[in-house]
N, C-alpha and C. Protein backbone atom coordinates (compact mmCIF):
# COMPACT_ATOMS: atom_id res chain seq x y z
N UNK A 1 6.15 18.29 -10.10
CA UNK A 1 5.19 18.53 -9.04
C UNK A 1 4.85 17.23 -8.31
N UNK A 2 4.70 16.15 -9.08
CA UNK A 2 4.39 14.85 -8.49
C UNK A 2 5.54 14.38 -7.59
N UNK A 3 6.78 14.59 -8.04
CA UNK A 3 7.94 14.18 -7.24
C UNK A 3 8.00 14.96 -5.93
N UNK A 4 7.66 16.23 -5.98
CA UNK A 4 7.65 17.06 -4.77
C UNK A 4 6.58 16.57 -3.80
N UNK A 5 5.42 16.21 -4.33
CA UNK A 5 4.33 15.68 -3.51
C UNK A 5 4.76 14.36 -2.88
N UNK A 6 5.42 13.51 -3.65
CA UNK A 6 5.89 12.22 -3.15
C UNK A 6 6.89 12.41 -2.01
N UNK A 7 7.82 13.35 -2.16
CA UNK A 7 8.79 13.63 -1.10
C UNK A 7 8.10 14.08 0.18
N UNK A 8 7.08 14.93 0.03
CA UNK A 8 6.35 15.41 1.20
C UNK A 8 5.61 14.27 1.89
N UNK A 9 5.05 13.34 1.10
CA UNK A 9 4.38 12.17 1.68
C UNK A 9 5.34 11.41 2.59
N UNK A 10 6.51 11.08 2.05
CA UNK A 10 7.46 10.28 2.81
C UNK A 10 7.90 11.00 4.07
N UNK A 11 8.18 12.29 4.00
CA UNK A 11 8.61 13.02 5.20
C UNK A 11 7.48 13.09 6.24
N UNK A 12 6.26 13.25 5.79
CA UNK A 12 5.13 13.27 6.75
C UNK A 12 4.90 11.90 7.37
N UNK A 13 5.04 10.86 6.58
CA UNK A 13 4.87 9.50 7.11
C UNK A 13 5.96 9.21 8.14
N UNK A 14 7.20 9.59 7.84
CA UNK A 14 8.30 9.36 8.78
C UNK A 14 8.09 10.13 10.09
N UNK A 15 7.40 11.25 10.03
CA UNK A 15 7.12 12.05 11.23
C UNK A 15 5.90 11.53 11.99
N UNK A 16 5.16 10.63 11.40
CA UNK A 16 3.95 10.10 12.05
C UNK A 16 4.29 8.86 12.88
N UNK A 17 3.30 8.33 13.56
CA UNK A 17 3.51 7.14 14.39
C UNK A 17 3.45 5.87 13.53
N UNK A 18 4.05 4.79 14.02
CA UNK A 18 3.95 3.51 13.31
C UNK A 18 2.49 3.08 13.13
N UNK A 19 1.67 3.33 14.14
CA UNK A 19 0.25 2.98 14.07
C UNK A 19 -0.44 3.70 12.92
N UNK A 20 -0.15 5.00 12.77
CA UNK A 20 -0.73 5.77 11.67
C UNK A 20 -0.31 5.18 10.33
N UNK A 21 0.97 4.85 10.19
CA UNK A 21 1.47 4.30 8.93
C UNK A 21 0.81 2.96 8.61
N UNK A 22 0.67 2.11 9.60
CA UNK A 22 0.02 0.82 9.38
C UNK A 22 -1.42 1.01 8.91
N UNK A 23 -2.14 1.95 9.52
CA UNK A 23 -3.52 2.22 9.13
C UNK A 23 -3.57 2.80 7.71
N UNK A 24 -2.64 3.68 7.39
CA UNK A 24 -2.56 4.27 6.05
C UNK A 24 -2.40 3.17 4.99
N UNK A 25 -1.51 2.23 5.24
CA UNK A 25 -1.23 1.15 4.30
C UNK A 25 -2.47 0.29 4.08
N UNK A 26 -3.17 -0.05 5.15
CA UNK A 26 -4.40 -0.83 5.03
C UNK A 26 -5.43 -0.05 4.22
N UNK A 27 -5.61 1.22 4.53
CA UNK A 27 -6.57 2.05 3.81
C UNK A 27 -6.23 2.14 2.33
N UNK A 28 -4.96 2.29 2.01
CA UNK A 28 -4.53 2.38 0.62
C UNK A 28 -4.88 1.10 -0.14
N UNK A 29 -4.56 -0.05 0.42
CA UNK A 29 -4.83 -1.31 -0.26
C UNK A 29 -6.32 -1.54 -0.46
N UNK A 30 -7.13 -1.14 0.51
CA UNK A 30 -8.59 -1.25 0.35
C UNK A 30 -9.05 -0.32 -0.77
N UNK A 31 -8.51 0.90 -0.81
CA UNK A 31 -8.88 1.84 -1.89
C UNK A 31 -8.44 1.33 -3.25
N UNK A 32 -7.40 0.52 -3.28
CA UNK A 32 -6.93 -0.05 -4.54
C UNK A 32 -7.83 -1.19 -5.01
N UNK A 33 -8.79 -1.58 -4.17
CA UNK A 33 -9.74 -2.61 -4.58
C UNK A 33 -9.60 -3.93 -3.87
N UNK A 34 -8.58 -4.08 -3.04
CA UNK A 34 -8.44 -5.33 -2.29
C UNK A 34 -9.51 -5.36 -1.21
N UNK A 35 -10.19 -6.49 -1.10
CA UNK A 35 -11.27 -6.60 -0.13
C UNK A 35 -12.60 -6.11 -0.69
N UNK A 36 -12.64 -5.84 -1.99
CA UNK A 36 -13.88 -5.35 -2.59
C UNK A 36 -14.19 -3.95 -2.11
N UNK A 37 -15.44 -3.63 -2.03
CA UNK A 37 -15.84 -2.27 -1.63
C UNK A 37 -16.27 -2.22 -0.16
N UNK A 38 -16.06 -3.32 0.56
CA UNK A 38 -16.47 -3.35 1.96
C UNK A 38 -15.53 -2.51 2.81
N UNK A 39 -16.11 -1.64 3.61
CA UNK A 39 -15.30 -0.75 4.45
C UNK A 39 -14.56 -1.51 5.55
N UNK A 40 -15.11 -2.64 5.97
CA UNK A 40 -14.49 -3.42 7.05
C UNK A 40 -13.55 -4.51 6.51
N UNK A 41 -13.19 -4.43 5.24
CA UNK A 41 -12.35 -5.46 4.62
C UNK A 41 -10.94 -5.48 5.21
N UNK A 42 -10.42 -4.32 5.59
CA UNK A 42 -9.06 -4.23 6.09
C UNK A 42 -9.00 -3.93 7.56
N UNK A 43 -7.94 -4.44 8.19
CA UNK A 43 -7.78 -4.21 9.63
C UNK A 43 -6.30 -4.08 9.96
N UNK A 44 -5.97 -3.07 10.74
CA UNK A 44 -4.61 -2.90 11.25
C UNK A 44 -4.50 -3.73 12.52
N UNK A 45 -3.53 -4.63 12.57
CA UNK A 45 -3.37 -5.46 13.76
C UNK A 45 -1.99 -5.32 14.37
N UNK A 46 -1.15 -4.50 13.77
CA UNK A 46 0.22 -4.34 14.23
C UNK A 46 0.31 -3.82 15.65
N UNK A 47 1.16 -4.45 16.43
CA UNK A 47 1.46 -4.03 17.80
C UNK A 47 2.67 -4.83 18.26
N UNK A 48 3.16 -4.57 19.42
CA UNK A 48 4.28 -5.34 19.94
C UNK A 48 3.88 -6.80 20.00
N UNK A 49 4.70 -7.66 19.46
CA UNK A 49 4.40 -9.09 19.46
C UNK A 49 3.33 -9.47 18.46
N UNK A 50 3.24 -8.73 17.34
CA UNK A 50 2.20 -9.01 16.35
C UNK A 50 2.56 -10.19 15.44
N UNK A 51 3.71 -10.79 15.67
CA UNK A 51 4.11 -11.93 14.87
C UNK A 51 4.54 -11.56 13.47
N UNK A 52 4.89 -10.30 13.25
CA UNK A 52 5.37 -9.87 11.94
C UNK A 52 4.30 -9.49 10.95
N UNK A 53 3.06 -9.41 11.40
CA UNK A 53 1.94 -9.02 10.54
C UNK A 53 1.36 -7.72 11.07
N UNK A 54 1.33 -6.68 10.24
CA UNK A 54 0.82 -5.38 10.67
C UNK A 54 -0.63 -5.13 10.25
N UNK A 55 -1.10 -5.85 9.26
CA UNK A 55 -2.47 -5.66 8.80
C UNK A 55 -2.93 -6.84 7.98
N UNK A 56 -4.24 -6.97 7.89
CA UNK A 56 -4.83 -8.02 7.05
C UNK A 56 -5.98 -7.42 6.25
N UNK A 57 -6.17 -7.98 5.08
CA UNK A 57 -7.32 -7.61 4.27
C UNK A 57 -8.01 -8.89 3.85
N UNK A 58 -9.27 -9.01 4.23
CA UNK A 58 -10.08 -10.16 3.81
C UNK A 58 -10.59 -9.85 2.42
N UNK A 59 -10.14 -10.63 1.45
CA UNK A 59 -10.47 -10.34 0.06
C UNK A 59 -11.86 -10.80 -0.33
N UNK A 60 -12.50 -11.59 0.52
CA UNK A 60 -13.89 -11.98 0.27
C UNK A 60 -14.65 -11.94 1.59
N UNK A 61 -15.95 -11.95 1.52
CA UNK A 61 -16.79 -11.80 2.72
C UNK A 61 -16.54 -12.86 3.79
N UNK A 62 -16.23 -14.07 3.37
CA UNK A 62 -16.03 -15.15 4.33
C UNK A 62 -14.61 -15.21 4.88
N UNK A 63 -13.73 -14.41 4.31
CA UNK A 63 -12.35 -14.42 4.78
C UNK A 63 -11.57 -15.64 4.32
N UNK A 64 -12.02 -16.28 3.24
CA UNK A 64 -11.33 -17.46 2.74
C UNK A 64 -9.99 -17.11 2.10
N UNK A 65 -9.91 -15.92 1.57
CA UNK A 65 -8.66 -15.46 0.96
C UNK A 65 -8.24 -14.18 1.66
N UNK A 66 -7.07 -14.21 2.26
CA UNK A 66 -6.61 -13.08 3.07
C UNK A 66 -5.25 -12.59 2.58
N UNK A 67 -5.09 -11.28 2.55
CA UNK A 67 -3.84 -10.64 2.19
C UNK A 67 -3.20 -10.12 3.47
N UNK A 68 -1.95 -10.51 3.72
CA UNK A 68 -1.24 -10.09 4.92
C UNK A 68 -0.26 -8.98 4.58
N UNK A 69 -0.12 -8.03 5.51
CA UNK A 69 0.65 -6.82 5.25
C UNK A 69 1.73 -6.61 6.31
N UNK A 70 2.90 -6.19 5.86
CA UNK A 70 3.97 -5.73 6.75
C UNK A 70 4.29 -4.30 6.32
N UNK A 71 4.33 -3.39 7.27
CA UNK A 71 4.60 -1.98 6.98
C UNK A 71 5.80 -1.52 7.80
N UNK A 72 6.84 -1.06 7.12
CA UNK A 72 8.05 -0.58 7.78
C UNK A 72 8.27 0.89 7.45
N UNK A 73 8.22 1.70 8.48
CA UNK A 73 8.43 3.15 8.36
C UNK A 73 9.90 3.41 8.65
N UNK A 74 10.73 3.13 7.65
CA UNK A 74 12.17 3.18 7.82
C UNK A 74 12.80 4.22 6.91
N UNK A 75 14.03 4.61 7.29
CA UNK A 75 14.83 5.47 6.41
C UNK A 75 15.91 4.65 5.70
N UNK A 76 16.40 3.61 6.37
CA UNK A 76 17.43 2.76 5.77
C UNK A 76 16.81 1.68 4.90
N UNK A 77 17.63 1.06 4.07
CA UNK A 77 17.17 0.00 3.16
C UNK A 77 16.65 -1.20 3.94
N UNK A 78 15.66 -1.86 3.37
CA UNK A 78 15.13 -3.10 3.93
C UNK A 78 15.85 -4.25 3.23
N UNK A 79 16.48 -5.10 4.02
CA UNK A 79 17.27 -6.19 3.47
C UNK A 79 16.55 -7.52 3.47
N UNK A 80 17.24 -8.51 2.94
CA UNK A 80 16.69 -9.86 2.85
C UNK A 80 16.23 -10.42 4.19
N UNK A 81 16.98 -10.22 5.29
CA UNK A 81 16.53 -10.79 6.57
C UNK A 81 15.11 -10.35 6.97
N UNK A 82 14.76 -9.09 6.69
CA UNK A 82 13.41 -8.61 7.02
C UNK A 82 12.36 -9.30 6.17
N UNK A 83 12.68 -9.53 4.90
CA UNK A 83 11.75 -10.22 4.01
C UNK A 83 11.60 -11.67 4.47
N UNK A 84 12.70 -12.29 4.87
CA UNK A 84 12.65 -13.66 5.36
C UNK A 84 11.79 -13.77 6.62
N UNK A 85 11.89 -12.80 7.52
CA UNK A 85 11.05 -12.80 8.73
C UNK A 85 9.58 -12.70 8.35
N UNK A 86 9.28 -11.84 7.39
CA UNK A 86 7.89 -11.67 6.95
C UNK A 86 7.37 -12.96 6.31
N UNK A 87 8.19 -13.60 5.49
CA UNK A 87 7.79 -14.86 4.87
C UNK A 87 7.54 -15.91 5.95
N UNK A 88 8.38 -15.93 6.98
CA UNK A 88 8.16 -16.85 8.10
C UNK A 88 6.84 -16.57 8.80
N UNK A 89 6.51 -15.29 8.98
CA UNK A 89 5.23 -14.92 9.59
C UNK A 89 4.07 -15.35 8.70
N UNK A 90 4.23 -15.21 7.39
CA UNK A 90 3.19 -15.65 6.45
C UNK A 90 2.99 -17.15 6.55
N UNK A 91 4.08 -17.90 6.61
CA UNK A 91 3.98 -19.35 6.71
C UNK A 91 3.30 -19.76 8.01
N UNK A 92 3.55 -18.99 9.07
CA UNK A 92 2.88 -19.26 10.35
C UNK A 92 1.38 -19.05 10.28
N UNK A 93 0.93 -18.27 9.31
CA UNK A 93 -0.51 -18.03 9.10
C UNK A 93 -1.07 -18.90 7.97
N UNK A 94 -0.22 -19.75 7.41
CA UNK A 94 -0.57 -20.55 6.22
C UNK A 94 -1.00 -19.66 5.06
N UNK A 95 -0.38 -18.52 4.98
CA UNK A 95 -0.72 -17.55 3.94
C UNK A 95 0.06 -17.83 2.67
N UNK A 96 -0.56 -17.53 1.55
CA UNK A 96 0.08 -17.73 0.25
C UNK A 96 0.61 -16.43 -0.32
N UNK A 97 0.20 -15.29 0.27
CA UNK A 97 0.62 -14.01 -0.31
C UNK A 97 0.66 -12.91 0.73
N UNK A 98 1.50 -11.93 0.45
CA UNK A 98 1.62 -10.80 1.35
C UNK A 98 2.20 -9.60 0.62
N UNK A 99 2.06 -8.45 1.26
CA UNK A 99 2.60 -7.20 0.72
C UNK A 99 3.50 -6.59 1.79
N UNK A 100 4.72 -6.26 1.41
CA UNK A 100 5.67 -5.63 2.31
C UNK A 100 5.87 -4.21 1.80
N UNK A 101 5.48 -3.23 2.61
CA UNK A 101 5.55 -1.83 2.20
C UNK A 101 6.51 -1.08 3.12
N UNK A 102 7.38 -0.29 2.52
CA UNK A 102 8.31 0.52 3.30
C UNK A 102 8.35 1.95 2.77
N UNK A 103 8.75 2.86 3.63
CA UNK A 103 8.95 4.25 3.21
C UNK A 103 10.31 4.42 2.54
N UNK A 104 11.19 3.44 2.70
CA UNK A 104 12.53 3.55 2.13
C UNK A 104 12.63 2.74 0.84
N UNK A 105 13.61 1.85 0.76
CA UNK A 105 13.79 1.02 -0.43
C UNK A 105 14.23 -0.38 0.00
N UNK A 106 14.28 -1.28 -0.96
CA UNK A 106 14.70 -2.65 -0.70
C UNK A 106 16.08 -2.87 -1.32
N UNK A 107 16.89 -3.67 -0.65
CA UNK A 107 18.17 -4.02 -1.24
C UNK A 107 17.93 -4.95 -2.43
N UNK A 108 18.91 -5.04 -3.32
CA UNK A 108 18.79 -5.93 -4.48
C UNK A 108 18.63 -7.37 -4.01
N UNK A 109 19.33 -7.74 -2.93
CA UNK A 109 19.24 -9.10 -2.39
C UNK A 109 17.82 -9.39 -1.89
N UNK A 110 17.19 -8.42 -1.25
CA UNK A 110 15.82 -8.59 -0.76
C UNK A 110 14.85 -8.77 -1.93
N UNK A 111 14.99 -7.96 -2.96
CA UNK A 111 14.11 -8.05 -4.13
C UNK A 111 14.31 -9.38 -4.86
N UNK A 112 15.56 -9.81 -4.98
CA UNK A 112 15.86 -11.08 -5.63
C UNK A 112 15.24 -12.24 -4.86
N UNK A 113 15.40 -12.22 -3.54
CA UNK A 113 14.82 -13.27 -2.70
C UNK A 113 13.30 -13.33 -2.85
N UNK A 114 12.65 -12.18 -2.80
CA UNK A 114 11.18 -12.13 -2.90
C UNK A 114 10.70 -12.66 -4.25
N UNK A 115 11.50 -12.48 -5.28
CA UNK A 115 11.08 -12.94 -6.62
C UNK A 115 11.27 -14.44 -6.81
N UNK A 116 12.06 -15.10 -5.96
CA UNK A 116 12.38 -16.51 -6.14
C UNK A 116 11.61 -17.47 -5.24
N UNK A 117 10.89 -16.97 -4.26
CA UNK A 117 10.24 -17.87 -3.30
C UNK A 117 8.83 -18.25 -3.77
N UNK A 118 8.32 -19.36 -3.23
CA UNK A 118 6.98 -19.83 -3.60
C UNK A 118 5.89 -18.90 -3.09
N UNK A 119 6.06 -18.40 -1.87
CA UNK A 119 5.08 -17.47 -1.31
C UNK A 119 5.15 -16.17 -2.09
N UNK A 120 4.01 -15.69 -2.55
CA UNK A 120 3.98 -14.45 -3.35
C UNK A 120 4.08 -13.26 -2.41
N UNK A 121 5.19 -12.53 -2.50
CA UNK A 121 5.40 -11.33 -1.69
C UNK A 121 5.66 -10.16 -2.64
N UNK A 122 4.79 -9.16 -2.57
CA UNK A 122 4.95 -7.96 -3.38
C UNK A 122 5.66 -6.91 -2.52
N UNK A 123 6.71 -6.32 -3.08
CA UNK A 123 7.47 -5.29 -2.37
C UNK A 123 7.10 -3.92 -2.92
N UNK A 124 6.74 -3.00 -2.03
CA UNK A 124 6.40 -1.63 -2.43
C UNK A 124 7.32 -0.69 -1.65
N UNK A 125 8.15 0.05 -2.39
CA UNK A 125 9.07 0.99 -1.74
C UNK A 125 8.43 2.37 -1.58
N UNK A 126 9.17 3.29 -0.99
CA UNK A 126 8.63 4.62 -0.70
C UNK A 126 8.14 5.37 -1.92
N UNK A 127 8.87 5.27 -3.03
CA UNK A 127 8.45 5.96 -4.25
C UNK A 127 7.14 5.37 -4.79
N UNK A 128 7.08 4.04 -4.85
CA UNK A 128 5.85 3.38 -5.31
C UNK A 128 4.69 3.69 -4.38
N UNK A 129 4.96 3.71 -3.09
CA UNK A 129 3.93 4.02 -2.10
C UNK A 129 3.35 5.41 -2.37
N UNK A 130 4.22 6.39 -2.54
CA UNK A 130 3.75 7.76 -2.80
C UNK A 130 2.95 7.82 -4.10
N UNK A 131 3.42 7.15 -5.14
CA UNK A 131 2.69 7.14 -6.41
C UNK A 131 1.30 6.53 -6.24
N UNK A 132 1.21 5.43 -5.51
CA UNK A 132 -0.09 4.78 -5.28
C UNK A 132 -1.01 5.68 -4.46
N UNK A 133 -0.45 6.37 -3.47
CA UNK A 133 -1.28 7.29 -2.66
C UNK A 133 -1.85 8.40 -3.53
N UNK A 134 -1.06 8.92 -4.45
CA UNK A 134 -1.53 9.97 -5.35
C UNK A 134 -2.59 9.40 -6.29
N UNK A 135 -2.30 8.24 -6.89
CA UNK A 135 -3.22 7.64 -7.86
C UNK A 135 -4.56 7.26 -7.25
N UNK A 136 -4.57 6.83 -5.98
CA UNK A 136 -5.80 6.37 -5.34
C UNK A 136 -6.35 7.35 -4.31
N UNK A 137 -5.87 8.59 -4.36
CA UNK A 137 -6.40 9.69 -3.53
C UNK A 137 -6.37 9.40 -2.03
N UNK A 138 -5.25 8.91 -1.55
CA UNK A 138 -5.06 8.70 -0.12
C UNK A 138 -4.10 9.78 0.38
N UNK A 139 -4.57 10.62 1.27
CA UNK A 139 -3.74 11.67 1.83
C UNK A 139 -3.56 12.87 0.92
N UNK A 140 -4.36 12.98 -0.12
CA UNK A 140 -4.28 14.14 -1.02
C UNK A 140 -5.64 14.81 -1.12
N UNK A 141 -5.60 16.07 -1.41
CA UNK A 141 -6.83 16.84 -1.67
C UNK A 141 -6.60 17.63 -2.95
N UNK A 142 -7.65 17.79 -3.71
CA UNK A 142 -7.54 18.55 -4.96
C UNK A 142 -7.26 20.01 -4.65
N UNK A 143 -6.25 20.56 -5.31
CA UNK A 143 -5.90 21.97 -5.11
C UNK A 143 -6.66 22.86 -6.08
N UNK A 144 -7.23 22.27 -7.09
CA UNK A 144 -8.00 23.04 -8.08
C UNK A 144 -8.44 22.10 -9.18
N UNK A 145 -9.37 22.55 -9.98
CA UNK A 145 -9.80 21.74 -11.11
C UNK A 145 -9.97 22.65 -12.32
N UNK A 146 -9.87 22.05 -13.46
CA UNK A 146 -9.95 22.80 -14.70
C UNK A 146 -11.00 22.16 -15.60
N UNK A 147 -11.80 22.99 -16.25
CA UNK A 147 -12.79 22.49 -17.20
C UNK A 147 -12.25 22.68 -18.60
N UNK A 148 -12.30 21.63 -19.38
CA UNK A 148 -11.89 21.72 -20.77
C UNK A 148 -13.17 21.79 -21.59
N UNK A 149 -13.30 22.85 -22.35
CA UNK A 149 -14.53 23.11 -23.10
C UNK A 149 -14.42 22.56 -24.52
N UNK A 150 -15.54 22.17 -25.06
CA UNK A 150 -15.65 21.76 -26.46
C UNK A 150 -16.94 22.34 -27.01
N UNK A 151 -17.05 22.38 -28.29
CA UNK A 151 -18.26 22.88 -28.93
C UNK A 151 -19.38 21.86 -28.74
N UNK A 152 -20.53 22.34 -28.33
CA UNK A 152 -21.71 21.49 -28.16
C UNK A 152 -22.44 21.44 -29.50
N UNK A 153 -22.23 20.37 -30.25
CA UNK A 153 -22.81 20.23 -31.59
C UNK A 153 -24.32 20.28 -31.57
N UNK A 154 -24.93 19.70 -30.54
CA UNK A 154 -26.40 19.68 -30.44
C UNK A 154 -26.97 21.09 -30.36
N UNK A 155 -26.28 21.99 -29.74
CA UNK A 155 -26.74 23.36 -29.58
C UNK A 155 -26.92 24.05 -30.93
N UNK A 156 -26.04 23.73 -31.87
CA UNK A 156 -26.04 24.42 -33.15
C UNK A 156 -26.92 23.75 -34.22
N UNK A 157 -27.56 22.67 -33.87
CA UNK A 157 -28.46 22.02 -34.83
C UNK A 157 -29.79 22.74 -34.85
N UNK A 158 -30.24 23.10 -36.04
CA UNK A 158 -31.54 23.77 -36.19
C UNK A 158 -32.56 22.72 -36.57
N UNK A 159 -33.70 22.90 -36.08
CA UNK A 159 -34.69 21.98 -36.56
C UNK A 159 -35.82 21.81 -35.70
């Protein structure tokens, strides 16, 4: 059931606009706890000429620590050149870390490159994205709930 839900997420995201996907990614990371509990912690900034950064999350109130985001709504694999461009964009911001999220997958070369560089870049593929959306209740609604009953020991105490 979870796999079916994940497949539907990816197909719906691919049918949506790039702007929607960028906003979804920012919302997901904020729900995961990045930026604390502040609603204004994350911002979608992606647009033509965005310099390779689609979103930012200020991890503290003063914005001293910032997480930069790249979101690719792709069907084909994301290769090393795309990761290198993102790392270049991060260096242009003097950033130490970033998250690259795609609806597809990363090539082995891209994953290897990301694991060897000084700048911390976390790669999240379509499957991981769907799992995180399910785990953090982004884009899902409860279809039902079940109550598990147990004996109430206090009820049966006389006295």
